Amino acid sequence: TLTRRGSESGTHGLDIDPDLQAELDTAIEQARTAAERAAAERAAAEEAERRAALAARFTPSHRARRGSDTDTRPDPATLTRRGSESGTHGLD
């Protein structure tokens, strides 16, 4: 198989339609702008997420939360005990 290079490639001397080139340039610029905007929005969302996680570590009085402040276990009053753990075992 023969390959051609340089001016032999068949494209030498061909001019690109200026209107088509302008459309192509506009499309490339729009794609670049959209990608930059998406990257900026992604960075802003990540920053907001980071700040929310940081804020969640503090109470409204700006003190750091203790483990008991963020405990998600059920309220002890709602727990039920069974058998000898009920506190009544051995009572007459």
N, C-alpha and C. Protein backbone atom coordinates (compact mmCIF):
# COMPACT_ATOMS: atom_id res chain seq x y z
N THR A 1 0.85 -1.18 0.00
CA THR A 1 0.00 0.00 0.00
C THR A 1 0.89 1.23 0.00
N LEU A 2 0.58 2.13 -0.89
CA LEU A 2 1.35 3.37 -0.96
C LEU A 2 0.65 4.45 -0.15
N THR A 3 1.43 5.27 0.51
CA THR A 3 0.88 6.41 1.23
C THR A 3 1.51 7.66 0.67
N ARG A 4 0.76 8.71 0.66
CA ARG A 4 1.27 9.98 0.15
C ARG A 4 1.50 10.93 1.30
N ARG A 5 2.48 11.77 1.15
CA ARG A 5 2.79 12.74 2.19
C ARG A 5 2.87 14.13 1.59
N GLY A 6 2.70 15.12 2.48
CA GLY A 6 2.89 16.50 2.07
C GLY A 6 1.96 16.93 0.97
N SER A 7 2.52 17.58 -0.04
CA SER A 7 1.70 18.13 -1.11
C SER A 7 1.07 17.05 -1.97
N GLU A 8 1.52 15.84 -1.81
CA GLU A 8 0.97 14.74 -2.60
C GLU A 8 -0.31 14.18 -1.98
N SER A 9 -0.68 14.64 -0.79
CA SER A 9 -1.82 14.06 -0.09
C SER A 9 -3.15 14.40 -0.73
N GLY A 10 -3.18 15.32 -1.63
CA GLY A 10 -4.43 15.68 -2.28
C GLY A 10 -5.12 16.85 -1.62
N THR A 11 -4.57 17.36 -0.53
CA THR A 11 -5.20 18.50 0.13
C THR A 11 -4.42 19.78 -0.10
N HIS A 12 -3.27 19.67 -0.66
CA HIS A 12 -2.45 20.87 -0.88
C HIS A 12 -3.14 21.81 -1.86
N GLY A 13 -3.23 23.04 -1.45
CA GLY A 13 -3.83 24.04 -2.32
C GLY A 13 -5.33 24.17 -2.17
N LEU A 14 -5.97 23.30 -1.38
CA LEU A 14 -7.41 23.41 -1.20
C LEU A 14 -7.69 24.46 -0.12
N ASP A 15 -8.64 25.31 -0.39
CA ASP A 15 -9.01 26.34 0.58
C ASP A 15 -10.23 25.87 1.36
N ILE A 16 -10.27 26.26 2.64
CA ILE A 16 -11.42 25.95 3.48
C ILE A 16 -12.42 27.07 3.34
N ASP A 17 -13.68 26.70 3.20
CA ASP A 17 -14.75 27.69 3.10
C ASP A 17 -14.73 28.56 4.36
N PRO A 18 -14.59 29.88 4.22
CA PRO A 18 -14.52 30.76 5.40
C PRO A 18 -15.75 30.67 6.30
N ASP A 19 -16.93 30.50 5.70
CA ASP A 19 -18.14 30.38 6.51
C ASP A 19 -18.12 29.09 7.34
N LEU A 20 -17.68 28.01 6.72
CA LEU A 20 -17.58 26.73 7.42
C LEU A 20 -16.53 26.81 8.53
N GLN A 21 -15.41 27.48 8.25
CA GLN A 21 -14.37 27.64 9.26
C GLN A 21 -14.88 28.47 10.44
N ALA A 22 -15.67 29.51 10.15
CA ALA A 22 -16.23 30.34 11.22
C ALA A 22 -17.20 29.53 12.07
N GLU A 23 -18.03 28.70 11.44
CA GLU A 23 -18.95 27.84 12.19
C GLU A 23 -18.18 26.86 13.08
N LEU A 24 -17.13 26.29 12.51
CA LEU A 24 -16.30 25.35 13.27
C LEU A 24 -15.65 26.05 14.46
N ASP A 25 -15.09 27.22 14.24
CA ASP A 25 -14.46 27.98 15.33
C ASP A 25 -15.47 28.32 16.42
N THR A 26 -16.68 28.71 16.02
CA THR A 26 -17.73 29.03 16.99
C THR A 26 -18.12 27.79 17.80
N ALA A 27 -18.28 26.66 17.12
CA ALA A 27 -18.64 25.42 17.81
C ALA A 27 -17.55 25.00 18.80
N ILE A 28 -16.30 25.13 18.39
CA ILE A 28 -15.18 24.78 19.28
C ILE A 28 -15.18 25.69 20.50
N GLU A 29 -15.37 26.98 20.30
CA GLU A 29 -15.38 27.93 21.41
C GLU A 29 -16.56 27.67 22.35
N GLN A 30 -17.72 27.35 21.80
CA GLN A 30 -18.88 27.04 22.64
C GLN A 30 -18.64 25.78 23.47
N ALA A 31 -18.03 24.78 22.86
CA ALA A 31 -17.73 23.54 23.58
C ALA A 31 -16.72 23.81 24.70
N ARG A 32 -15.71 24.61 24.41
CA ARG A 32 -14.70 24.96 25.41
C ARG A 32 -15.35 25.72 26.58
N THR A 33 -16.21 26.69 26.26
CA THR A 33 -16.89 27.48 27.29
C THR A 33 -17.79 26.59 28.15
N ALA A 34 -18.52 25.67 27.51
CA ALA A 34 -19.40 24.76 28.25
C ALA A 34 -18.59 23.86 29.18
N ALA A 35 -17.45 23.38 28.71
CA ALA A 35 -16.60 22.52 29.54
C ALA A 35 -16.05 23.30 30.73
N GLU A 36 -15.64 24.55 30.50
CA GLU A 36 -15.13 25.38 31.59
C GLU A 36 -16.24 25.67 32.61
N ARG A 37 -17.45 25.94 32.12
CA ARG A 37 -18.57 26.22 33.02
C ARG A 37 -18.91 24.98 33.85
N ALA A 38 -18.92 23.82 33.22
CA ALA A 38 -19.21 22.57 33.93
C ALA A 38 -18.15 22.30 35.00
N ALA A 39 -16.89 22.56 34.68
CA ALA A 39 -15.82 22.36 35.65
C ALA A 39 -15.97 23.32 36.83
N ALA A 40 -16.33 24.57 36.55
CA ALA A 40 -16.53 25.55 37.62
C ALA A 40 -17.71 25.17 38.50
N GLU A 41 -18.80 24.69 37.89
CA GLU A 41 -19.97 24.27 38.67
C GLU A 41 -19.64 23.05 39.53
N ARG A 42 -18.87 22.12 38.97
CA ARG A 42 -18.47 20.93 39.72
C ARG A 42 -17.59 21.33 40.92
N ALA A 43 -16.66 22.26 40.69
CA ALA A 43 -15.80 22.73 41.78
C ALA A 43 -16.61 23.44 42.85
N ALA A 44 -17.60 24.24 42.44
CA ALA A 44 -18.45 24.96 43.40
C ALA A 44 -19.28 23.97 44.22
N ALA A 45 -19.79 22.93 43.58
CA ALA A 45 -20.58 21.92 44.28
C ALA A 45 -19.71 21.16 45.29
N GLU A 46 -18.49 20.84 44.90
CA GLU A 46 -17.58 20.15 45.81
C GLU A 46 -17.23 21.04 47.00
N GLU A 47 -17.03 22.33 46.76
CA GLU A 47 -16.73 23.27 47.84
C GLU A 47 -17.93 23.41 48.78
N ALA A 48 -19.14 23.47 48.23
CA ALA A 48 -20.34 23.57 49.06
C ALA A 48 -20.50 22.31 49.91
N GLU A 49 -20.21 21.16 49.33
CA GLU A 49 -20.29 19.90 50.07
C GLU A 49 -19.28 19.87 51.20
N ARG A 50 -18.06 20.35 50.92
CA ARG A 50 -17.01 20.40 51.94
C ARG A 50 -17.41 21.32 53.08
N ARG A 51 -17.96 22.49 52.74
CA ARG A 51 -18.39 23.44 53.77
C ARG A 51 -19.54 22.89 54.60
N ALA A 52 -20.48 22.20 53.96
CA ALA A 52 -21.61 21.63 54.69
C ALA A 52 -21.11 20.56 55.67
N ALA A 53 -20.17 19.75 55.23
CA ALA A 53 -19.62 18.72 56.11
C ALA A 53 -18.89 19.36 57.29
N LEU A 54 -18.18 20.44 57.03
CA LEU A 54 -17.48 21.16 58.10
C LEU A 54 -18.47 21.79 59.06
N ALA A 55 -19.51 22.43 58.53
CA ALA A 55 -20.52 23.09 59.36
C ALA A 55 -21.26 22.07 60.23
N ALA A 56 -21.44 20.87 59.72
CA ALA A 56 -22.16 19.85 60.47
C ALA A 56 -21.40 19.42 61.72
N ARG A 57 -20.13 19.74 61.76
CA ARG A 57 -19.32 19.37 62.92
C ARG A 57 -19.45 20.37 64.07
N PHE A 58 -20.18 21.46 63.86
CA PHE A 58 -20.30 22.49 64.89
C PHE A 58 -21.75 22.75 65.25
N THR A 59 -21.98 23.14 66.51
CA THR A 59 -23.32 23.50 66.98
C THR A 59 -23.60 24.94 66.58
N PRO A 60 -24.84 25.40 66.72
CA PRO A 60 -25.14 26.80 66.39
C PRO A 60 -24.31 27.79 67.23
N SER A 61 -23.84 27.38 68.40
CA SER A 61 -23.01 28.27 69.22
C SER A 61 -21.54 28.19 68.81
N HIS A 62 -21.26 27.53 67.71
CA HIS A 62 -19.92 27.43 67.11
C HIS A 62 -18.96 26.56 67.93
N ARG A 63 -19.52 25.72 68.81
CA ARG A 63 -18.67 24.78 69.53
C ARG A 63 -18.64 23.48 68.75
N ALA A 64 -17.52 22.81 68.82
CA ALA A 64 -17.42 21.53 68.13
C ALA A 64 -18.39 20.54 68.76
N ARG A 65 -19.05 19.77 67.92
CA ARG A 65 -19.99 18.78 68.42
C ARG A 65 -19.22 17.63 69.06
N ARG A 66 -19.80 17.08 70.11
CA ARG A 66 -19.25 15.87 70.72
C ARG A 66 -19.92 14.68 70.05
N GLY A 67 -19.35 13.53 70.26
CA GLY A 67 -19.94 12.33 69.69
C GLY A 67 -21.37 12.14 70.13
N SER A 68 -21.68 12.50 71.38
CA SER A 68 -23.05 12.32 71.87
C SER A 68 -24.03 13.27 71.20
N ASP A 69 -23.54 14.41 70.69
CA ASP A 69 -24.41 15.36 70.00
C ASP A 69 -24.89 14.82 68.67
N THR A 70 -24.08 13.98 68.09
CA THR A 70 -24.40 13.48 66.75
C THR A 70 -24.82 12.02 66.78
N ASP A 71 -25.06 11.50 67.96
CA ASP A 71 -25.44 10.11 68.11
C ASP A 71 -26.78 9.86 67.42
N THR A 72 -26.82 8.88 66.57
CA THR A 72 -28.05 8.60 65.82
C THR A 72 -28.77 7.36 66.35
N ARG A 73 -28.31 6.83 67.46
CA ARG A 73 -28.98 5.66 68.02
C ARG A 73 -30.36 6.06 68.52
N PRO A 74 -31.30 5.12 68.62
CA PRO A 74 -32.64 5.45 69.10
C PRO A 74 -32.61 5.92 70.55
N ASP A 75 -33.60 6.68 70.91
CA ASP A 75 -33.74 7.18 72.27
C ASP A 75 -33.83 5.98 73.22
N PRO A 76 -33.04 6.00 74.32
CA PRO A 76 -33.05 4.85 75.24
C PRO A 76 -34.44 4.53 75.78
N ALA A 77 -35.31 5.52 75.89
CA ALA A 77 -36.67 5.27 76.41
C ALA A 77 -37.47 4.39 75.46
N THR A 78 -37.09 4.35 74.20
CA THR A 78 -37.84 3.55 73.24
C THR A 78 -37.33 2.12 73.15
N LEU A 79 -36.22 1.84 73.82
CA LEU A 79 -35.68 0.49 73.77
C LEU A 79 -36.50 -0.42 74.67
N THR A 80 -36.62 -1.66 74.29
CA THR A 80 -37.32 -2.63 75.13
C THR A 80 -36.34 -3.71 75.52
N ARG A 81 -36.47 -4.20 76.73
CA ARG A 81 -35.60 -5.27 77.20
C ARG A 81 -36.42 -6.52 77.41
N ARG A 82 -35.76 -7.66 77.33
CA ARG A 82 -36.46 -8.93 77.49
C ARG A 82 -35.79 -9.78 78.56
N GLY A 83 -36.54 -10.68 79.09
CA GLY A 83 -36.00 -11.67 80.01
C GLY A 83 -35.37 -11.07 81.24
N SER A 84 -34.22 -11.64 81.64
CA SER A 84 -33.58 -11.22 82.87
C SER A 84 -33.03 -9.80 82.77
N GLU A 85 -32.93 -9.26 81.58
CA GLU A 85 -32.42 -7.90 81.41
C GLU A 85 -33.47 -6.86 81.75
N SER A 86 -34.71 -7.27 81.99
CA SER A 86 -35.79 -6.31 82.18
C SER A 86 -35.71 -5.60 83.52
N GLY A 87 -34.90 -6.09 84.43
CA GLY A 87 -34.79 -5.46 85.73
C GLY A 87 -35.77 -6.02 86.73
N THR A 88 -36.60 -6.95 86.31
CA THR A 88 -37.59 -7.53 87.23
C THR A 88 -37.23 -8.94 87.63
N HIS A 89 -36.20 -9.47 87.08
CA HIS A 89 -35.81 -10.85 87.37
C HIS A 89 -35.44 -11.00 88.85
N GLY A 90 -36.04 -11.95 89.50
CA GLY A 90 -35.74 -12.21 90.90
C GLY A 90 -36.53 -11.37 91.87
N LEU A 91 -37.36 -10.47 91.37
CA LEU A 91 -38.19 -9.67 92.27
C LEU A 91 -39.45 -10.44 92.62
N ASP A 92 -39.87 -10.35 93.86
CA ASP A 92 -41.09 -11.06 94.27
C ASP A 92 -42.27 -10.14 94.28
